Amino acid sequence: MATKRKYLNYTTPWGVSLSPVARAGWSAFLIHESGFQPALENWNHEGVDSPFWRFYHNPKAGCHLRYQGREIPLLPDEYVLIPANTIFDCCGPVTACHYWLHFTVTRLAGTVPVGPVVLPVDETLRLQLQAVLRTHAEAPHALRDHRLYHESAALLHSAFARLELPPTQDIPDRLLDVLDLIQKAPHTHLSNSFLADRAGMSLERFIPDYAVE
């Protein structure tokens, strides 16, 4: 009879450990809305300003964004990531064929891009976009929404995989707990002495590198 072995290690000598990225890097996404309209009339909105991120893709050309006086065409072979709190205009001189995602990055690691970021649609993203648009075309039902959520999440992961981001910092586990606490309650007053205590550090050691201003 074969001996059963219980594998307790989460990693092997042959794989790439992604735990540091998963714990300290950019987190997964809280997706608020996925939308597609093949023929939006009068897609003109000035001074759009939202506390969440946006993913824009137009399968048909003709519309553009305006950001700080610069026109950004929305083309079928490109997509646009728009960070939170970016002020821009939607300009639709023609009927807009428009797909969008509204989402929040629940943990930021490093510097957020300034302004809309335009990236090319490669073969993987093209297939993912086709899949999510097919799902949008289905009649509303619970299974469709479940599938739409996971297809949208996969699309965002593919998009962010192509975004040039700063390398993940090597953060000790005790400070990761403090980081999670801050990001779960960003508007709560958390004193440096309280955070230092949660990190198991003296205030003098905590303040130079990790203090909250």
N, C-alpha and C. Protein backbone atom coordinates (compact mmCIF):
# COMPACT_ATOMS: atom_id res chain seq x y z
N MET A 1 0.85 -1.19 0.00
CA MET A 1 0.00 0.00 0.00
C MET A 1 0.88 1.24 0.00
N ALA A 2 0.57 2.16 -0.89
CA ALA A 2 1.39 3.37 -1.00
C ALA A 2 1.27 4.22 0.25
N THR A 3 2.39 4.79 0.67
CA THR A 3 2.40 5.65 1.85
C THR A 3 1.87 7.03 1.49
N LYS A 4 0.93 7.52 2.28
CA LYS A 4 0.40 8.86 2.05
C LYS A 4 1.36 9.89 2.63
N ARG A 5 1.59 10.93 1.88
CA ARG A 5 2.46 12.00 2.36
C ARG A 5 1.67 13.30 2.42
N LYS A 6 1.81 14.01 3.51
CA LYS A 6 1.13 15.30 3.66
C LYS A 6 2.14 16.40 3.35
N TYR A 7 1.86 17.16 2.31
CA TYR A 7 2.76 18.23 1.89
C TYR A 7 2.36 19.52 2.59
N LEU A 8 3.21 19.97 3.50
CA LEU A 8 2.88 21.13 4.32
C LEU A 8 3.51 22.42 3.81
N ASN A 9 4.51 22.32 2.95
CA ASN A 9 5.16 23.52 2.42
C ASN A 9 4.33 24.09 1.27
N TYR A 10 4.15 25.40 1.30
CA TYR A 10 3.37 26.05 0.25
C TYR A 10 4.19 26.27 -1.03
N THR A 11 5.50 26.14 -0.91
CA THR A 11 6.36 26.34 -2.07
C THR A 11 7.27 25.13 -2.26
N THR A 12 7.87 25.06 -3.44
CA THR A 12 8.81 23.99 -3.76
C THR A 12 10.13 24.63 -4.19
N PRO A 13 11.20 23.84 -4.30
CA PRO A 13 12.48 24.39 -4.76
C PRO A 13 12.46 24.79 -6.23
N TRP A 14 11.42 24.42 -6.97
CA TRP A 14 11.43 24.61 -8.42
C TRP A 14 10.52 25.73 -8.91
N GLY A 15 9.64 26.20 -8.06
CA GLY A 15 8.71 27.25 -8.48
C GLY A 15 9.20 28.64 -8.07
N VAL A 16 8.40 29.63 -8.42
CA VAL A 16 8.67 31.02 -8.06
C VAL A 16 7.70 31.42 -6.95
N SER A 17 8.21 31.73 -5.79
CA SER A 17 7.35 32.12 -4.67
C SER A 17 6.74 33.49 -4.95
N LEU A 18 5.42 33.54 -4.95
CA LEU A 18 4.71 34.80 -5.20
C LEU A 18 4.10 35.38 -3.93
N SER A 19 4.36 34.75 -2.80
CA SER A 19 3.80 35.26 -1.54
C SER A 19 4.21 36.70 -1.25
N PRO A 20 5.50 37.07 -1.47
CA PRO A 20 5.86 38.47 -1.20
C PRO A 20 5.07 39.46 -2.05
N VAL A 21 4.82 39.11 -3.31
CA VAL A 21 4.04 40.00 -4.18
C VAL A 21 2.59 40.04 -3.72
N ALA A 22 2.05 38.87 -3.39
CA ALA A 22 0.64 38.80 -2.98
C ALA A 22 0.39 39.55 -1.68
N ARG A 23 1.36 39.51 -0.77
CA ARG A 23 1.16 40.13 0.54
C ARG A 23 1.54 41.60 0.57
N ALA A 24 2.60 41.98 -0.16
CA ALA A 24 3.08 43.35 -0.06
C ALA A 24 2.87 44.15 -1.33
N GLY A 25 2.55 43.47 -2.43
CA GLY A 25 2.41 44.18 -3.69
C GLY A 25 1.00 44.71 -3.91
N TRP A 26 0.70 45.09 -5.15
CA TRP A 26 -0.62 45.57 -5.50
C TRP A 26 -1.62 44.44 -5.30
N SER A 27 -2.70 44.75 -4.63
CA SER A 27 -3.66 43.72 -4.28
C SER A 27 -4.57 43.39 -5.45
N ALA A 28 -5.45 42.43 -5.18
CA ALA A 28 -6.52 42.16 -6.14
C ALA A 28 -7.47 43.36 -6.17
N PHE A 29 -8.51 43.25 -6.98
CA PHE A 29 -9.34 44.41 -7.26
C PHE A 29 -10.75 44.24 -6.70
N LEU A 30 -11.29 45.32 -6.19
CA LEU A 30 -12.70 45.38 -5.83
C LEU A 30 -13.43 45.97 -7.04
N ILE A 31 -14.16 45.14 -7.76
CA ILE A 31 -14.80 45.57 -9.00
C ILE A 31 -16.20 46.08 -8.69
N HIS A 32 -16.47 47.32 -9.06
CA HIS A 32 -17.76 47.94 -8.77
C HIS A 32 -18.76 47.72 -9.91
N GLU A 33 -18.28 47.80 -11.14
CA GLU A 33 -19.21 47.71 -12.27
C GLU A 33 -18.47 47.30 -13.53
N SER A 34 -19.13 46.48 -14.33
CA SER A 34 -18.67 46.15 -15.67
C SER A 34 -19.78 46.55 -16.63
N GLY A 35 -19.44 47.30 -17.67
CA GLY A 35 -20.48 47.78 -18.57
C GLY A 35 -20.07 47.76 -20.02
N PHE A 36 -21.05 47.55 -20.88
CA PHE A 36 -20.81 47.63 -22.33
C PHE A 36 -22.05 48.16 -23.01
N GLN A 37 -21.85 49.21 -23.81
CA GLN A 37 -22.92 49.77 -24.62
C GLN A 37 -22.39 49.91 -26.05
N PRO A 38 -23.02 49.23 -27.02
CA PRO A 38 -22.51 49.27 -28.39
C PRO A 38 -22.80 50.56 -29.13
N ALA A 39 -23.74 51.37 -28.64
CA ALA A 39 -24.10 52.59 -29.37
C ALA A 39 -24.59 53.66 -28.40
N LEU A 40 -23.65 54.30 -27.71
CA LEU A 40 -23.99 55.36 -26.77
C LEU A 40 -24.08 56.69 -27.50
N GLU A 41 -25.22 57.33 -27.40
CA GLU A 41 -25.39 58.65 -28.00
C GLU A 41 -24.89 59.73 -27.04
N ASN A 42 -24.30 60.76 -27.61
CA ASN A 42 -23.87 61.92 -26.83
C ASN A 42 -22.98 61.53 -25.65
N TRP A 43 -21.93 60.79 -25.94
CA TRP A 43 -20.98 60.38 -24.89
C TRP A 43 -20.00 61.53 -24.64
N ASN A 44 -20.54 62.58 -24.04
CA ASN A 44 -19.75 63.78 -23.77
C ASN A 44 -19.93 64.16 -22.30
N HIS A 45 -18.84 64.06 -21.54
CA HIS A 45 -18.89 64.35 -20.11
C HIS A 45 -17.64 65.13 -19.73
N GLU A 46 -17.84 66.32 -19.20
CA GLU A 46 -16.70 67.17 -18.83
C GLU A 46 -16.38 67.02 -17.34
N GLY A 47 -15.09 67.09 -17.05
CA GLY A 47 -14.64 67.10 -15.66
C GLY A 47 -14.98 65.84 -14.89
N VAL A 48 -14.83 64.67 -15.53
CA VAL A 48 -15.09 63.40 -14.83
C VAL A 48 -14.02 63.23 -13.74
N ASP A 49 -14.46 62.99 -12.53
CA ASP A 49 -13.54 62.87 -11.39
C ASP A 49 -14.14 61.87 -10.42
N SER A 50 -13.48 60.72 -10.24
CA SER A 50 -14.04 59.65 -9.41
C SER A 50 -13.00 59.12 -8.43
N PRO A 51 -13.44 58.59 -7.28
CA PRO A 51 -12.50 58.03 -6.31
C PRO A 51 -12.07 56.60 -6.64
N PHE A 52 -12.47 56.09 -7.80
CA PHE A 52 -12.12 54.73 -8.20
C PHE A 52 -11.39 54.75 -9.55
N TRP A 53 -10.75 53.63 -9.88
CA TRP A 53 -10.06 53.47 -11.16
C TRP A 53 -11.07 53.12 -12.26
N ARG A 54 -10.63 53.32 -13.51
CA ARG A 54 -11.44 52.95 -14.67
C ARG A 54 -10.58 52.21 -15.70
N PHE A 55 -11.21 51.25 -16.35
CA PHE A 55 -10.64 50.56 -17.51
C PHE A 55 -11.55 50.88 -18.68
N TYR A 56 -10.99 51.47 -19.75
CA TYR A 56 -11.79 51.83 -20.92
C TYR A 56 -11.26 51.10 -22.15
N HIS A 57 -12.19 50.59 -22.94
CA HIS A 57 -11.84 50.02 -24.25
C HIS A 57 -13.01 50.25 -25.20
N ASN A 58 -12.72 50.86 -26.34
CA ASN A 58 -13.74 51.08 -27.36
C ASN A 58 -13.45 50.19 -28.57
N PRO A 59 -14.29 49.19 -28.85
CA PRO A 59 -14.07 48.31 -30.00
C PRO A 59 -14.14 49.03 -31.34
N LYS A 60 -14.74 50.23 -31.37
CA LYS A 60 -14.80 51.03 -32.59
C LYS A 60 -14.20 52.40 -32.32
N ALA A 61 -13.43 52.90 -33.29
CA ALA A 61 -12.75 54.19 -33.12
C ALA A 61 -13.74 55.34 -33.30
N GLY A 62 -13.28 56.54 -32.92
CA GLY A 62 -14.07 57.74 -33.16
C GLY A 62 -14.21 58.64 -31.94
N CYS A 63 -14.08 58.06 -30.74
CA CYS A 63 -14.19 58.84 -29.51
C CYS A 63 -12.81 59.01 -28.88
N HIS A 64 -12.72 59.94 -27.95
CA HIS A 64 -11.44 60.17 -27.29
C HIS A 64 -11.65 60.75 -25.89
N LEU A 65 -10.58 60.73 -25.11
CA LEU A 65 -10.54 61.41 -23.82
C LEU A 65 -9.73 62.69 -23.98
N ARG A 66 -10.01 63.66 -23.12
CA ARG A 66 -9.19 64.86 -23.07
C ARG A 66 -8.64 64.99 -21.66
N TYR A 67 -7.32 65.03 -21.55
CA TYR A 67 -6.66 65.12 -20.25
C TYR A 67 -5.60 66.20 -20.30
N GLN A 68 -5.79 67.24 -19.50
CA GLN A 68 -4.86 68.37 -19.45
C GLN A 68 -4.54 68.91 -20.84
N GLY A 69 -5.58 69.06 -21.65
CA GLY A 69 -5.44 69.63 -22.99
C GLY A 69 -4.98 68.65 -24.05
N ARG A 70 -4.68 67.42 -23.66
CA ARG A 70 -4.19 66.41 -24.61
C ARG A 70 -5.32 65.45 -24.97
N GLU A 71 -5.49 65.18 -26.26
CA GLU A 71 -6.49 64.23 -26.70
C GLU A 71 -5.91 62.81 -26.72
N ILE A 72 -6.67 61.87 -26.16
CA ILE A 72 -6.26 60.47 -26.10
C ILE A 72 -7.29 59.65 -26.86
N PRO A 73 -7.00 59.24 -28.09
CA PRO A 73 -7.98 58.46 -28.86
C PRO A 73 -8.26 57.11 -28.19
N LEU A 74 -9.51 56.68 -28.26
CA LEU A 74 -9.90 55.36 -27.79
C LEU A 74 -9.99 54.45 -29.01
N LEU A 75 -8.97 53.61 -29.19
CA LEU A 75 -8.82 52.82 -30.40
C LEU A 75 -9.07 51.34 -30.12
N PRO A 76 -9.49 50.58 -31.13
CA PRO A 76 -9.80 49.15 -30.93
C PRO A 76 -8.60 48.31 -30.50
N ASP A 77 -7.39 48.74 -30.84
CA ASP A 77 -6.21 47.94 -30.50
C ASP A 77 -5.49 48.47 -29.26
N GLU A 78 -6.19 49.28 -28.45
CA GLU A 78 -5.61 49.81 -27.22
C GLU A 78 -6.65 49.79 -26.10
N TYR A 79 -6.17 49.88 -24.86
CA TYR A 79 -7.05 50.10 -23.73
C TYR A 79 -6.44 51.18 -22.85
N VAL A 80 -7.25 51.76 -21.99
CA VAL A 80 -6.79 52.87 -21.14
C VAL A 80 -7.10 52.55 -19.69
N LEU A 81 -6.10 52.68 -18.83
CA LEU A 81 -6.28 52.60 -17.38
C LEU A 81 -6.25 54.03 -16.83
N ILE A 82 -7.26 54.38 -16.06
CA ILE A 82 -7.37 55.73 -15.52
C ILE A 82 -7.35 55.64 -13.99
N PRO A 83 -6.28 56.10 -13.34
CA PRO A 83 -6.21 56.02 -11.88
C PRO A 83 -7.30 56.86 -11.20
N ALA A 84 -7.58 56.52 -9.97
CA ALA A 84 -8.56 57.27 -9.18
C ALA A 84 -8.15 58.73 -9.07
N ASN A 85 -9.16 59.60 -8.99
CA ASN A 85 -8.96 61.04 -8.79
C ASN A 85 -8.27 61.72 -9.97
N THR A 86 -8.38 61.12 -11.15
CA THR A 86 -7.88 61.73 -12.38
C THR A 86 -9.03 62.49 -13.04
N ILE A 87 -8.84 63.76 -13.33
CA ILE A 87 -9.90 64.57 -13.93
C ILE A 87 -9.70 64.59 -15.45
N PHE A 88 -10.75 64.21 -16.18
CA PHE A 88 -10.66 64.13 -17.64
C PHE A 88 -12.04 64.37 -18.24
N ASP A 89 -12.06 64.54 -19.57
CA ASP A 89 -13.31 64.69 -20.31
C ASP A 89 -13.52 63.49 -21.22
N CYS A 90 -14.77 63.04 -21.33
CA CYS A 90 -15.15 62.05 -22.34
C CYS A 90 -15.70 62.80 -23.54
N CYS A 91 -15.18 62.52 -24.72
CA CYS A 91 -15.56 63.25 -25.93
C CYS A 91 -16.07 62.26 -26.98
N GLY A 92 -17.35 62.38 -27.31
CA GLY A 92 -17.96 61.47 -28.27
C GLY A 92 -18.53 62.20 -29.47
N PRO A 93 -17.69 62.59 -30.43
CA PRO A 93 -18.22 63.23 -31.64
C PRO A 93 -19.04 62.28 -32.50
N VAL A 94 -18.89 60.96 -32.25
CA VAL A 94 -19.69 59.95 -32.94
C VAL A 94 -20.32 59.06 -31.87
N THR A 95 -21.22 58.18 -32.29
CA THR A 95 -21.81 57.22 -31.37
C THR A 95 -20.71 56.35 -30.78
N ALA A 96 -20.72 56.18 -29.47
CA ALA A 96 -19.64 55.47 -28.78
C ALA A 96 -19.98 53.99 -28.61
N CYS A 97 -19.07 53.14 -29.06
CA CYS A 97 -19.11 51.71 -28.74
C CYS A 97 -18.12 51.53 -27.59
N HIS A 98 -18.64 51.37 -26.37
CA HIS A 98 -17.82 51.61 -25.19
C HIS A 98 -17.95 50.49 -24.17
N TYR A 99 -16.78 49.95 -23.75
CA TYR A 99 -16.72 48.98 -22.65
C TYR A 99 -15.94 49.61 -21.51
N TRP A 100 -16.42 49.38 -20.27
CA TRP A 100 -15.74 49.99 -19.12
C TRP A 100 -15.80 49.08 -17.89
N LEU A 101 -14.83 49.29 -17.02
CA LEU A 101 -14.81 48.70 -15.69
C LEU A 101 -14.54 49.80 -14.69
N HIS A 102 -15.29 49.82 -13.61
CA HIS A 102 -15.01 50.69 -12.46
C HIS A 102 -14.51 49.79 -11.33
N PHE A 103 -13.37 50.11 -10.76
CA PHE A 103 -12.79 49.22 -9.74
C PHE A 103 -11.90 50.01 -8.80
N THR A 104 -11.63 49.40 -7.66
CA THR A 104 -10.73 49.98 -6.66
C THR A 104 -9.56 49.03 -6.44
N VAL A 105 -8.36 49.59 -6.41
CA VAL A 105 -7.18 48.84 -6.00
C VAL A 105 -7.09 48.97 -4.50
N THR A 106 -7.35 47.89 -3.77
CA THR A 106 -7.49 48.00 -2.32
C THR A 106 -6.17 48.11 -1.59
N ARG A 107 -5.06 47.81 -2.25
CA ARG A 107 -3.75 48.05 -1.63
C ARG A 107 -2.79 48.53 -2.71
N LEU A 108 -2.28 49.72 -2.54
CA LEU A 108 -1.34 50.30 -3.49
C LEU A 108 0.08 50.05 -3.01
N ALA A 109 0.95 49.69 -3.93
CA ALA A 109 2.36 49.47 -3.59
C ALA A 109 3.20 50.32 -4.54
N GLY A 110 3.75 51.39 -4.03
CA GLY A 110 4.56 52.25 -4.88
C GLY A 110 3.75 53.40 -5.45
N THR A 111 4.35 54.06 -6.41
CA THR A 111 3.79 55.27 -7.00
C THR A 111 2.68 54.94 -7.98
N VAL A 112 1.57 55.65 -7.88
CA VAL A 112 0.46 55.48 -8.82
C VAL A 112 0.75 56.29 -10.08
N PRO A 113 0.50 55.73 -11.27
CA PRO A 113 0.71 56.51 -12.49
C PRO A 113 -0.09 57.81 -12.47
N VAL A 114 0.46 58.85 -13.07
CA VAL A 114 -0.21 60.14 -13.16
C VAL A 114 -0.92 60.23 -14.51
N GLY A 115 -2.23 60.36 -14.48
CA GLY A 115 -2.99 60.49 -15.71
C GLY A 115 -3.30 59.15 -16.36
N PRO A 116 -4.13 59.16 -17.41
CA PRO A 116 -4.50 57.93 -18.11
C PRO A 116 -3.28 57.24 -18.72
N VAL A 117 -3.29 55.91 -18.66
CA VAL A 117 -2.20 55.10 -19.21
C VAL A 117 -2.76 54.30 -20.38
N VAL A 118 -2.18 54.48 -21.56
CA VAL A 118 -2.63 53.79 -22.77
C VAL A 118 -1.69 52.62 -23.05
N LEU A 119 -2.27 51.43 -23.23
CA LEU A 119 -1.48 50.23 -23.48
C LEU A 119 -2.10 49.44 -24.63
N PRO A 120 -1.28 48.67 -25.35
CA PRO A 120 -1.81 47.92 -26.49
C PRO A 120 -2.58 46.68 -26.07
N VAL A 121 -3.57 46.32 -26.85
CA VAL A 121 -4.32 45.08 -26.65
C VAL A 121 -3.55 43.96 -27.35
N ASP A 122 -2.97 43.05 -26.56
CA ASP A 122 -2.28 41.91 -27.17
C ASP A 122 -3.27 40.77 -27.37
N GLU A 123 -2.78 39.62 -27.81
CA GLU A 123 -3.67 38.52 -28.16
C GLU A 123 -4.44 38.01 -26.94
N THR A 124 -3.78 37.94 -25.79
CA THR A 124 -4.46 37.47 -24.58
C THR A 124 -5.60 38.40 -24.20
N LEU A 125 -5.31 39.70 -24.18
CA LEU A 125 -6.35 40.67 -23.82
C LEU A 125 -7.46 40.70 -24.87
N ARG A 126 -7.11 40.52 -26.12
CA ARG A 126 -8.14 40.52 -27.17
C ARG A 126 -9.15 39.40 -26.93
N LEU A 127 -8.65 38.21 -26.61
CA LEU A 127 -9.53 37.07 -26.35
C LEU A 127 -10.36 37.30 -25.08
N GLN A 128 -9.75 37.89 -24.07
CA GLN A 128 -10.48 38.17 -22.83
C GLN A 128 -11.57 39.21 -23.05
N LEU A 129 -11.26 40.23 -23.84
CA LEU A 129 -12.27 41.24 -24.15
C LEU A 129 -13.43 40.64 -24.94
N GLN A 130 -13.12 39.79 -25.90
CA GLN A 130 -14.18 39.14 -26.67
C GLN A 130 -15.07 38.30 -25.76
N ALA A 131 -14.46 37.60 -24.80
CA ALA A 131 -15.23 36.75 -23.89
C ALA A 131 -16.16 37.59 -23.01
N VAL A 132 -15.64 38.68 -22.46
CA VAL A 132 -16.47 39.49 -21.55
C VAL A 132 -17.59 40.19 -22.32
N LEU A 133 -17.35 40.57 -23.57
CA LEU A 133 -18.42 41.20 -24.37
C LEU A 133 -19.49 40.17 -24.74
N ARG A 134 -19.09 38.93 -24.99
CA ARG A 134 -20.09 37.88 -25.24
C ARG A 134 -20.95 37.65 -24.00
N THR A 135 -20.32 37.68 -22.84
CA THR A 135 -21.08 37.49 -21.60
C THR A 135 -22.05 38.64 -21.37
N HIS A 136 -21.62 39.85 -21.69
CA HIS A 136 -22.52 41.00 -21.56
C HIS A 136 -23.74 40.86 -22.46
N ALA A 137 -23.58 40.17 -23.59
CA ALA A 137 -24.68 40.04 -24.54
C ALA A 137 -25.74 39.04 -24.09
N GLU A 138 -25.43 38.24 -23.07
CA GLU A 138 -26.39 37.25 -22.58
C GLU A 138 -27.53 37.93 -21.81
N ALA A 139 -28.64 37.23 -21.73
CA ALA A 139 -29.75 37.73 -20.90
C ALA A 139 -29.32 37.74 -19.44
N PRO A 140 -29.78 38.72 -18.66
CA PRO A 140 -29.37 38.79 -17.25
C PRO A 140 -29.79 37.55 -16.46
N HIS A 141 -28.85 36.98 -15.72
CA HIS A 141 -29.13 35.90 -14.79
C HIS A 141 -27.94 35.77 -13.85
N ALA A 142 -28.12 35.07 -12.74
CA ALA A 142 -27.09 35.03 -11.69
C ALA A 142 -25.79 34.43 -12.19
N LEU A 143 -25.87 33.37 -12.98
CA LEU A 143 -24.65 32.73 -13.47
C LEU A 143 -23.89 33.66 -14.41
N ARG A 144 -24.62 34.45 -15.20
CA ARG A 144 -23.94 35.41 -16.08
C ARG A 144 -23.15 36.42 -15.26
N ASP A 145 -23.73 36.95 -14.19
CA ASP A 145 -23.05 37.94 -13.37
C ASP A 145 -21.83 37.33 -12.67
N HIS A 146 -21.96 36.08 -12.24
CA HIS A 146 -20.83 35.38 -11.62
C HIS A 146 -19.68 35.26 -12.62
N ARG A 147 -20.01 34.84 -13.83
CA ARG A 147 -18.98 34.69 -14.86
C ARG A 147 -18.40 36.05 -15.26
N LEU A 148 -19.26 37.06 -15.32
CA LEU A 148 -18.82 38.40 -15.68
C LEU A 148 -17.81 38.94 -14.67
N TYR A 149 -18.05 38.65 -13.40
CA TYR A 149 -17.12 39.11 -12.36
C TYR A 149 -15.74 38.49 -12.55
N HIS A 150 -15.70 37.18 -12.74
CA HIS A 150 -14.40 36.51 -12.85
C HIS A 150 -13.70 36.86 -14.17
N GLU A 151 -14.45 37.02 -15.24
CA GLU A 151 -13.84 37.43 -16.50
C GLU A 151 -13.28 38.85 -16.39
N SER A 152 -13.99 39.72 -15.69
CA SER A 152 -13.51 41.09 -15.49
C SER A 152 -12.25 41.11 -14.63
N ALA A 153 -12.22 40.28 -13.58
CA ALA A 153 -11.04 40.21 -12.72
C ALA A 153 -9.84 39.70 -13.51
N ALA A 154 -10.05 38.67 -14.35
CA ALA A 154 -8.96 38.15 -15.17
C ALA A 154 -8.45 39.21 -16.13
N LEU A 155 -9.37 39.99 -16.68
CA LEU A 155 -9.00 41.06 -17.60
C LEU A 155 -8.14 42.11 -16.90
N LEU A 156 -8.52 42.49 -15.69
CA LEU A 156 -7.74 43.48 -14.95
C LEU A 156 -6.36 42.95 -14.58
N HIS A 157 -6.28 41.68 -14.19
CA HIS A 157 -4.97 41.11 -13.87
C HIS A 157 -4.07 41.11 -15.10
N SER A 158 -4.62 40.78 -16.26
CA SER A 158 -3.83 40.81 -17.49
C SER A 158 -3.38 42.24 -17.81
N ALA A 159 -4.29 43.20 -17.61
CA ALA A 159 -3.95 44.59 -17.90
C ALA A 159 -2.84 45.09 -16.97
N PHE A 160 -2.95 44.79 -15.68
CA PHE A 160 -1.94 45.26 -14.73
C PHE A 160 -0.62 44.51 -14.89
N ALA A 161 -0.67 43.29 -15.41
CA ALA A 161 0.57 42.56 -15.66
C ALA A 161 1.42 43.26 -16.71
N ARG A 162 0.78 44.06 -17.56
CA ARG A 162 1.49 44.78 -18.61
C ARG A 162 1.83 46.21 -18.22
N LEU A 163 1.37 46.62 -17.04
CA LEU A 163 1.65 47.97 -16.55
C LEU A 163 2.99 47.98 -15.83
N GLU A 164 3.86 48.89 -16.19
CA GLU A 164 5.18 48.97 -15.56
C GLU A 164 5.04 49.59 -14.18
N LEU A 165 5.21 48.75 -13.16
CA LEU A 165 5.07 49.19 -11.78
C LEU A 165 6.40 49.03 -11.06
N PRO A 166 6.63 49.82 -10.02
CA PRO A 166 7.87 49.67 -9.25
C PRO A 166 7.93 48.30 -8.60
N PRO A 167 9.13 47.76 -8.38
CA PRO A 167 9.25 46.44 -7.74
C PRO A 167 8.67 46.46 -6.33
N THR A 168 8.16 45.31 -5.92
CA THR A 168 7.57 45.18 -4.59
C THR A 168 8.64 45.29 -3.52
N GLN A 169 8.37 46.08 -2.50
CA GLN A 169 9.30 46.22 -1.39
C GLN A 169 9.28 44.97 -0.51
N ASP A 170 10.42 44.67 0.07
CA ASP A 170 10.52 43.56 1.02
C ASP A 170 10.10 44.08 2.39
N ILE A 171 8.87 43.77 2.79
CA ILE A 171 8.30 44.30 4.03
C ILE A 171 8.17 43.17 5.05
N PRO A 172 8.69 43.34 6.26
CA PRO A 172 8.55 42.31 7.30
C PRO A 172 7.08 42.01 7.60
N ASP A 173 6.81 40.77 8.03
CA ASP A 173 5.43 40.36 8.29
C ASP A 173 4.73 41.27 9.29
N ARG A 174 5.44 41.69 10.34
CA ARG A 174 4.78 42.50 11.38
C ARG A 174 4.36 43.86 10.83
N LEU A 175 5.10 44.37 9.83
CA LEU A 175 4.71 45.64 9.23
C LEU A 175 3.61 45.46 8.19
N LEU A 176 3.52 44.26 7.60
CA LEU A 176 2.40 43.98 6.70
C LEU A 176 1.08 44.05 7.45
N ASP A 177 1.07 43.58 8.70
CA ASP A 177 -0.15 43.66 9.50
C ASP A 177 -0.54 45.11 9.74
N VAL A 178 0.45 45.97 9.98
CA VAL A 178 0.18 47.40 10.18
C VAL A 178 -0.35 48.02 8.89
N LEU A 179 0.26 47.65 7.76
CA LEU A 179 -0.17 48.17 6.46
C LEU A 179 -1.62 47.78 6.17
N ASP A 180 -1.97 46.53 6.46
CA ASP A 180 -3.35 46.08 6.25
C ASP A 180 -4.31 46.88 7.12
N LEU A 181 -3.91 47.15 8.35
CA LEU A 181 -4.75 47.91 9.27
C LEU A 181 -5.01 49.32 8.74
N ILE A 182 -3.97 49.98 8.24
CA ILE A 182 -4.11 51.34 7.71
C ILE A 182 -5.03 51.35 6.49
N GLN A 183 -4.85 50.38 5.61
CA GLN A 183 -5.60 50.39 4.36
C GLN A 183 -7.05 49.95 4.53
N LYS A 184 -7.34 49.23 5.61
CA LYS A 184 -8.72 48.85 5.89
C LYS A 184 -9.49 50.01 6.53
N ALA A 185 -8.76 50.94 7.13
CA ALA A 185 -9.42 52.08 7.79
C ALA A 185 -8.64 53.36 7.48
N PRO A 186 -8.63 53.78 6.19
CA PRO A 186 -7.78 54.90 5.79
C PRO A 186 -8.16 56.23 6.42
N HIS A 187 -9.42 56.38 6.86
CA HIS A 187 -9.85 57.66 7.41
C HIS A 187 -9.88 57.66 8.95
N THR A 188 -9.43 56.56 9.54
CA THR A 188 -9.39 56.48 10.99
C THR A 188 -8.09 57.08 11.51
N HIS A 189 -8.17 57.79 12.62
CA HIS A 189 -6.96 58.37 13.21
C HIS A 189 -6.17 57.26 13.91
N LEU A 190 -5.02 56.93 13.36
CA LEU A 190 -4.14 55.91 13.93
C LEU A 190 -2.83 56.59 14.29
N SER A 191 -2.55 56.69 15.57
CA SER A 191 -1.34 57.38 15.99
C SER A 191 -0.11 56.53 15.70
N ASN A 192 1.03 57.19 15.58
CA ASN A 192 2.28 56.47 15.33
C ASN A 192 2.62 55.55 16.51
N SER A 193 2.30 55.98 17.72
CA SER A 193 2.59 55.13 18.88
C SER A 193 1.73 53.86 18.85
N PHE A 194 0.47 54.00 18.42
CA PHE A 194 -0.41 52.83 18.30
C PHE A 194 0.11 51.87 17.24
N LEU A 195 0.52 52.41 16.08
CA LEU A 195 1.02 51.57 15.00
C LEU A 195 2.35 50.92 15.37
N ALA A 196 3.20 51.66 16.06
CA ALA A 196 4.48 51.09 16.50
C ALA A 196 4.24 49.92 17.45
N ASP A 197 3.26 50.08 18.33
CA ASP A 197 2.94 49.00 19.27
C ASP A 197 2.42 47.78 18.53
N ARG A 198 1.58 47.99 17.50
CA ARG A 198 1.06 46.86 16.71
C ARG A 198 2.18 46.15 15.96
N ALA A 199 3.21 46.91 15.58
CA ALA A 199 4.34 46.33 14.86
C ALA A 199 5.37 45.70 15.80
N GLY A 200 5.17 45.88 17.11
CA GLY A 200 6.13 45.34 18.07
C GLY A 200 7.44 46.08 18.05
N MET A 201 7.39 47.39 17.80
CA MET A 201 8.60 48.20 17.70
C MET A 201 8.49 49.38 18.64
N SER A 202 9.64 49.92 19.01
CA SER A 202 9.63 51.15 19.78
C SER A 202 9.26 52.30 18.85
N LEU A 203 8.73 53.37 19.43
CA LEU A 203 8.34 54.52 18.63
C LEU A 203 9.55 55.12 17.92
N GLU A 204 10.70 55.14 18.60
CA GLU A 204 11.91 55.71 18.00
C GLU A 204 12.37 54.92 16.79
N ARG A 205 12.19 53.61 16.83
CA ARG A 205 12.60 52.78 15.69
C ARG A 205 11.57 52.82 14.57
N PHE A 206 10.31 52.99 14.93
CA PHE A 206 9.22 52.95 13.94
C PHE A 206 9.17 54.23 13.11
N ILE A 207 9.35 55.38 13.74
CA ILE A 207 9.10 56.67 13.09
C ILE A 207 9.97 56.94 11.87
N PRO A 208 11.29 56.69 11.88
CA PRO A 208 12.12 57.10 10.74
C PRO A 208 11.66 56.55 9.39
N ASP A 209 11.15 55.32 9.36
CA ASP A 209 10.82 54.70 8.08
C ASP A 209 9.34 54.46 7.85
N TYR A 210 8.55 54.38 8.92
CA TYR A 210 7.19 53.90 8.75
C TYR A 210 6.11 54.82 9.31
N ALA A 211 6.48 55.94 9.84
CA ALA A 211 5.48 56.81 10.48
C ALA A 211 4.46 57.30 9.47
N VAL A 212 3.21 57.48 9.96
CA VAL A 212 2.12 58.02 9.16
C VAL A 212 2.07 59.52 9.40
N GLU A 213 2.16 60.29 8.31
CA GLU A 213 2.14 61.75 8.45
C GLU A 213 0.72 62.28 8.42
